[in-house]
Amino acid sequence: MFRIIFLLIVIVSAIEIVLFIWLGNLFNVWFVLVGIILTGILGALLAKYQGLETLRRAQFELANGRAPREEIFDGIAILIGAIVLFTPGFLTDLFGFLLLIPSTRNPIKRWGQRMIYSLIKRGSVTVIRR
């Protein structure tokens, strides 16, 4: 698993560098720098808004005696999206925005839920209830 993550980080970093060089040559260096800064600011604002909205929904579910399952998965997706947005790069920013926008986050969230449930069924992950 570590090898796959390491390889993914190296490949994504190489793609980001190629994108920076390509966009820098196509437009100019300032376009790339301003783009990185603007996507970071916009991503931080969107992550804050979506995170607070998810927190409100989770509190509502808890107040009504229900477990906030969907909200937990939303919160994890928002956290990952926000972390990815803070790394400089347009490809990672695209992935981060996909995780922050609810209409694009839901299919990714469903896929993640299926992955976790399959790991639980296989016995790779154990859930302890108290």
C-alpha atoms as a PDB file:
ATOM      1  CA  MET A   1       0.000   0.000   0.000  1.00  0.00           C
ATOM      2  CA  PHE A   2       2.851   2.375   0.842  1.00  0.00           C
ATOM      3  CA  ARG A   3       4.406   1.759  -2.568  1.00  0.00           C
ATOM      4  CA  ILE A   4       1.156   2.616  -4.343  1.00  0.00           C
ATOM      5  CA  ILE A   5       0.740   5.852  -2.373  1.00  0.00           C
ATOM      6  CA  PHE A   6       4.383   6.792  -2.960  1.00  0.00           C
ATOM      7  CA  LEU A   7       4.074   6.103  -6.685  1.00  0.00           C
ATOM      8  CA  LEU A   8       0.837   8.103  -6.849  1.00  0.00           C
ATOM      9  CA  ILE A   9       2.489  11.085  -5.116  1.00  0.00           C
ATOM     10  CA  VAL A  10       5.443  10.989  -7.518  1.00  0.00           C
ATOM     11  CA  ILE A  11       3.227  10.696 -10.614  1.00  0.00           C
ATOM     12  CA  VAL A  12       0.843  13.463  -9.523  1.00  0.00           C
ATOM     13  CA  SER A  13       3.781  15.739  -8.656  1.00  0.00           C
ATOM     14  CA  ALA A  14       5.338  15.159 -12.078  1.00  0.00           C
ATOM     15  CA  ILE A  15       2.021  15.905 -13.809  1.00  0.00           C
ATOM     16  CA  GLU A  16       1.646  19.106 -11.751  1.00  0.00           C
ATOM     17  CA  ILE A  17       5.141  20.277 -12.726  1.00  0.00           C
ATOM     18  CA  VAL A  18       4.403  19.613 -16.405  1.00  0.00           C
ATOM     19  CA  LEU A  19       1.127  21.560 -16.074  1.00  0.00           C
ATOM     20  CA  PHE A  20       2.927  24.492 -14.417  1.00  0.00           C
ATOM     21  CA  ILE A  21       5.523  24.634 -17.187  1.00  0.00           C
ATOM     22  CA  TRP A  22       2.948  24.227 -19.949  1.00  0.00           C
ATOM     23  CA  LEU A  23       0.612  26.900 -18.566  1.00  0.00           C
ATOM     24  CA  GLY A  24       3.560  29.190 -17.810  1.00  0.00           C
ATOM     25  CA  ASN A  25       4.657  28.945 -21.443  1.00  0.00           C
ATOM     26  CA  LEU A  26       1.112  29.221 -22.788  1.00  0.00           C
ATOM     27  CA  PHE A  27       0.175  32.279 -20.729  1.00  0.00           C
ATOM     28  CA  ASN A  28       2.891  33.487 -18.349  1.00  0.00           C
ATOM     29  CA  VAL A  29       4.324  32.806 -14.907  1.00  0.00           C
ATOM     30  CA  TRP A  30       2.057  35.373 -13.235  1.00  0.00           C
ATOM     31  CA  PHE A  31      -1.030  33.579 -14.543  1.00  0.00           C
ATOM     32  CA  VAL A  32       0.147  30.381 -12.878  1.00  0.00           C
ATOM     33  CA  LEU A  33       1.026  32.089  -9.583  1.00  0.00           C
ATOM     34  CA  VAL A  34      -2.250  34.033  -9.412  1.00  0.00           C
ATOM     35  CA  GLY A  35      -4.145  30.864 -10.319  1.00  0.00           C
ATOM     36  CA  ILE A  36      -2.512  28.944  -7.478  1.00  0.00           C
ATOM     37  CA  ILE A  37      -3.292  31.710  -4.978  1.00  0.00           C
ATOM     38  CA  LEU A  38      -6.895  32.215  -6.146  1.00  0.00           C
ATOM     39  CA  THR A  39      -7.741  28.509  -6.105  1.00  0.00           C
ATOM     40  CA  GLY A  40      -6.288  28.299  -2.593  1.00  0.00           C
ATOM     41  CA  ILE A  41      -8.387  31.210  -1.330  1.00  0.00           C
ATOM     42  CA  LEU A  42     -11.547  30.031  -3.075  1.00  0.00           C
ATOM     43  CA  GLY A  43     -10.972  26.486  -1.829  1.00  0.00           C
ATOM     44  CA  ALA A  44     -10.490  27.648   1.763  1.00  0.00           C
ATOM     45  CA  LEU A  45     -13.734  29.635   1.662  1.00  0.00           C
ATOM     46  CA  LEU A  46     -15.656  26.759   0.099  1.00  0.00           C
ATOM     47  CA  ALA A  47     -14.197  24.250   2.576  1.00  0.00           C
ATOM     48  CA  LYS A  48     -15.189  26.466   5.504  1.00  0.00           C
ATOM     49  CA  TYR A  49     -18.730  26.912   4.192  1.00  0.00           C
ATOM     50  CA  GLN A  50     -19.230  23.227   3.385  1.00  0.00           C
ATOM     51  CA  GLY A  51     -17.641  22.128   6.664  1.00  0.00           C
ATOM     52  CA  LEU A  52     -19.907  24.360   8.746  1.00  0.00           C
ATOM     53  CA  GLU A  53     -22.964  23.222   6.791  1.00  0.00           C
ATOM     54  CA  THR A  54     -22.032  19.573   7.368  1.00  0.00           C
ATOM     55  CA  LEU A  55     -21.460  20.262  11.064  1.00  0.00           C
ATOM     56  CA  ARG A  56     -24.940  21.835  11.335  1.00  0.00           C
ATOM     57  CA  ARG A  57     -26.510  18.800   9.659  1.00  0.00           C
ATOM     58  CA  ALA A  58     -24.605  16.432  11.981  1.00  0.00           C
ATOM     59  CA  GLN A  59     -25.787  18.365  15.031  1.00  0.00           C
ATOM     60  CA  PHE A  60     -29.367  18.197  13.728  1.00  0.00           C
ATOM     61  CA  GLU A  61     -29.107  14.424  13.273  1.00  0.00           C
ATOM     62  CA  LEU A  62     -27.671  13.983  16.777  1.00  0.00           C
ATOM     63  CA  ALA A  63     -30.358  16.236  18.280  1.00  0.00           C
ATOM     64  CA  ASN A  64     -32.987  13.984  16.690  1.00  0.00           C
ATOM     65  CA  GLY A  65     -31.413  10.810  18.068  1.00  0.00           C
ATOM     66  CA  ARG A  66     -29.898   9.591  14.786  1.00  0.00           C
ATOM     67  CA  ALA A  67     -26.309   8.782  13.962  1.00  0.00           C
ATOM     68  CA  PRO A  68     -24.841  11.292  11.473  1.00  0.00           C
ATOM     69  CA  ARG A  69     -23.492   8.657   9.041  1.00  0.00           C
ATOM     70  CA  GLU A  70     -23.758  10.655   5.817  1.00  0.00           C
ATOM     71  CA  GLU A  71     -22.417  13.743   7.540  1.00  0.00           C
ATOM     72  CA  ILE A  72     -19.356  11.852   8.763  1.00  0.00           C
ATOM     73  CA  PHE A  73     -18.559  10.744   5.219  1.00  0.00           C
ATOM     74  CA  ASP A  74     -19.210  14.284   3.973  1.00  0.00           C
ATOM     75  CA  GLY A  75     -16.866  15.650   6.627  1.00  0.00           C
ATOM     76  CA  ILE A  76     -14.108  13.229   5.653  1.00  0.00           C
ATOM     77  CA  ALA A  77     -14.518  14.142   1.971  1.00  0.00           C
ATOM     78  CA  ILE A  78     -14.458  17.867   2.786  1.00  0.00           C
ATOM     79  CA  LEU A  79     -11.343  17.446   4.919  1.00  0.00           C
ATOM     80  CA  ILE A  80      -9.530  15.541   2.166  1.00  0.00           C
ATOM     81  CA  GLY A  81     -10.665  18.130  -0.399  1.00  0.00           C
ATOM     82  CA  ALA A  82      -9.395  21.000   1.754  1.00  0.00           C
ATOM     83  CA  ILE A  83      -6.028  19.328   2.349  1.00  0.00           C
ATOM     84  CA  VAL A  84      -5.592  18.606  -1.357  1.00  0.00           C
ATOM     85  CA  LEU A  85      -6.485  22.218  -2.210  1.00  0.00           C
ATOM     86  CA  PHE A  86      -3.676  23.520  -0.015  1.00  0.00           C
ATOM     87  CA  THR A  87      -1.111  21.656  -2.085  1.00  0.00           C
ATOM     88  CA  PRO A  88      -0.050  23.791  -5.044  1.00  0.00           C
ATOM     89  CA  GLY A  89      -1.218  22.433  -8.357  1.00  0.00           C
ATOM     90  CA  PHE A  90      -4.137  22.610 -10.724  1.00  0.00           C
ATOM     91  CA  LEU A  91      -4.787  18.870 -10.967  1.00  0.00           C
ATOM     92  CA  THR A  92      -4.941  18.492  -7.195  1.00  0.00           C
ATOM     93  CA  ASP A  93      -7.099  21.632  -7.007  1.00  0.00           C
ATOM     94  CA  LEU A  94      -9.545  20.084  -9.455  1.00  0.00           C
ATOM     95  CA  PHE A  95      -9.797  16.966  -7.275  1.00  0.00           C
ATOM     96  CA  GLY A  96     -10.172  19.116  -4.158  1.00  0.00           C
ATOM     97  CA  PHE A  97     -13.006  21.137  -5.696  1.00  0.00           C
ATOM     98  CA  LEU A  98     -14.723  17.913  -6.780  1.00  0.00           C
ATOM     99  CA  LEU A  99     -14.733  16.851  -3.123  1.00  0.00           C
ATOM    100  CA  LEU A 100     -16.010  20.219  -1.890  1.00  0.00           C
ATOM    101  CA  ILE A 101     -18.943  20.660  -4.270  1.00  0.00           C
ATOM    102  CA  PRO A 102     -21.891  18.534  -3.043  1.00  0.00           C
ATOM    103  CA  SER A 103     -23.126  17.412  -6.470  1.00  0.00           C
ATOM    104  CA  THR A 104     -19.701  16.058  -7.429  1.00  0.00           C
ATOM    105  CA  ARG A 105     -18.802  14.908  -3.907  1.00  0.00           C
ATOM    106  CA  ASN A 106     -21.747  12.486  -3.655  1.00  0.00           C
ATOM    107  CA  PRO A 107     -20.597   9.984  -6.332  1.00  0.00           C
ATOM    108  CA  ILE A 108     -17.060  10.012  -4.909  1.00  0.00           C
ATOM    109  CA  LYS A 109     -18.480   9.606  -1.396  1.00  0.00           C
ATOM    110  CA  ARG A 110     -20.624   6.639  -2.496  1.00  0.00           C
ATOM    111  CA  TRP A 111     -17.572   4.991  -4.043  1.00  0.00           C
ATOM    112  CA  GLY A 112     -15.637   5.506  -0.792  1.00  0.00           C
ATOM    113  CA  GLN A 113     -18.489   4.055   1.234  1.00  0.00           C
ATOM    114  CA  ARG A 114     -18.593   0.948  -0.968  1.00  0.00           C
ATOM    115  CA  MET A 115     -14.835   0.538  -0.567  1.00  0.00           C
ATOM    116  CA  ILE A 116     -15.018   0.787   3.230  1.00  0.00           C
ATOM    117  CA  TYR A 117     -17.976  -1.597   3.437  1.00  0.00           C
ATOM    118  CA  SER A 118     -16.182  -4.136   1.254  1.00  0.00           C
ATOM    119  CA  LEU A 119     -13.102  -3.901   3.502  1.00  0.00           C
ATOM    120  CA  ILE A 120     -15.333  -4.528   6.513  1.00  0.00           C
ATOM    121  CA  LYS A 121     -16.993  -7.533   4.828  1.00  0.00           C
ATOM    122  CA  ARG A 122     -13.598  -9.030   3.932  1.00  0.00           C
ATOM    123  CA  GLY A 123     -12.426  -8.595   7.503  1.00  0.00           C
ATOM    124  CA  SER A 124      -9.653  -6.148   6.622  1.00  0.00           C
ATOM    125  CA  VAL A 125     -11.271  -3.551   8.873  1.00  0.00           C
ATOM    126  CA  THR A 126     -12.949  -4.336  12.164  1.00  0.00           C
ATOM    127  CA  VAL A 127     -15.693  -2.191  13.649  1.00  0.00           C
ATOM    128  CA  ILE A 128     -16.105  -2.401  17.414  1.00  0.00           C
ATOM    129  CA  ARG A 129     -19.436  -1.270  18.835  1.00  0.00           C
ATOM    130  CA  ARG A 130     -19.846  -0.433  22.489  1.00  0.00           C
END
